[in-house]
Protein backbone atom coordinates (compact mmCIF):
# COMPACT_ATOMS: atom_id res chain seq x y z
CA MET A 1 6.22 9.18 7.34
CA THR A 2 3.41 8.25 4.90
CA ILE A 3 3.01 4.50 4.36
CA VAL A 4 0.68 2.80 1.95
CA ILE A 5 -0.35 -0.84 2.09
CA VAL A 6 -2.16 -2.49 -0.81
CA ASP A 7 -3.62 -5.98 -0.84
CA ASP A 8 -6.84 -7.23 -2.41
CA GLU A 9 -7.12 -9.90 0.29
CA PRO A 10 -8.82 -8.31 3.33
CA LEU A 11 -7.24 -10.63 5.95
CA ALA A 12 -3.75 -10.22 4.52
CA LEU A 13 -4.27 -6.43 4.39
CA LYS A 14 -5.37 -6.36 8.04
CA ALA A 15 -2.43 -8.46 9.13
CA THR A 16 0.04 -6.27 7.28
CA VAL A 17 -1.45 -3.07 8.70
CA SER A 18 -1.20 -4.52 12.22
CA ALA A 19 2.41 -5.52 11.75
CA VAL A 20 3.43 -2.12 10.28
CA ARG A 21 1.57 -0.28 13.06
CA GLU A 22 3.47 -2.27 15.64
CA ALA A 23 6.82 -1.64 13.93
CA LEU A 24 6.22 2.01 12.99
CA PRO A 25 3.62 3.43 15.40
CA GLU A 26 4.50 6.97 14.37
CA GLY A 27 3.75 6.25 10.68
CA GLU A 28 0.70 7.62 8.87
CA ILE A 29 -0.72 4.42 7.43
CA HIS A 30 -3.19 4.33 4.48
CA ASP A 31 -4.50 0.90 3.47
CA PHE A 32 -6.20 -0.01 0.22
CA LEU A 33 -8.06 -3.11 -1.03
CA ARG A 34 -8.08 -1.65 -4.58
CA TRP A 35 -4.73 -0.80 -6.20
CA SER A 36 -6.41 1.82 -8.36
CA ALA A 37 -7.52 3.73 -5.23
CA MET A 38 -3.92 3.77 -4.04
CA LEU A 39 -2.77 5.19 -7.36
CA ASP A 40 -5.36 7.95 -7.03
CA PHE A 41 -4.05 8.70 -3.54
CA ALA A 42 -0.45 8.60 -4.75
CA GLY A 43 -1.29 11.19 -7.37
CA THR A 44 -1.85 13.81 -4.68
CA HIS A 45 0.22 12.59 -1.70
CA PRO A 46 3.91 11.84 -1.35
CA ILE A 47 4.57 8.25 -0.24
CA ASP A 48 7.58 7.25 1.81
CA ILE A 49 7.07 3.49 2.02
CA ALA A 50 4.80 1.17 -0.01
CA PHE A 51 3.93 -2.42 1.01
CA LEU A 52 2.38 -4.04 -2.06
CA ALA A 53 0.97 -7.55 -2.53
CA LEU A 54 2.87 -9.57 -5.02
CA THR A 55 -0.22 -10.56 -6.96
CA MET A 56 -3.56 -8.81 -7.17
CA ARG A 57 -6.49 -8.85 -9.54
CA GLY A 58 -5.44 -6.99 -12.68
CA ILE A 59 -1.84 -6.15 -11.68
CA THR A 60 1.26 -7.39 -9.96
CA GLY A 61 2.93 -5.60 -7.09
CA LEU A 62 6.00 -5.04 -9.24
CA ALA A 63 3.99 -3.43 -12.01
CA LEU A 64 2.18 -1.29 -9.43
CA ALA A 65 5.47 -0.15 -7.95
CA GLY A 66 6.53 0.92 -11.44
CA ASN A 67 3.53 3.25 -11.55
CA LEU A 68 4.61 5.11 -8.37
CA GLN A 69 6.70 8.21 -8.83
CA VAL A 70 9.90 8.46 -6.88
């Protein structure tokens, strides 16, 4: 299971990664401080679950979700 986590706040990103690792230890977690880096990753890797910050510099989590292919 491929999981991406995106947040431009380092402490929030670290906390989310820790919580997801605890809940889904078998998951393959990829974390990103830059939403554009996650979009690059998503262009070549299928994603099963995405945890996105609601607000980030330059984009909202909802708009970012709209850029992910299902």
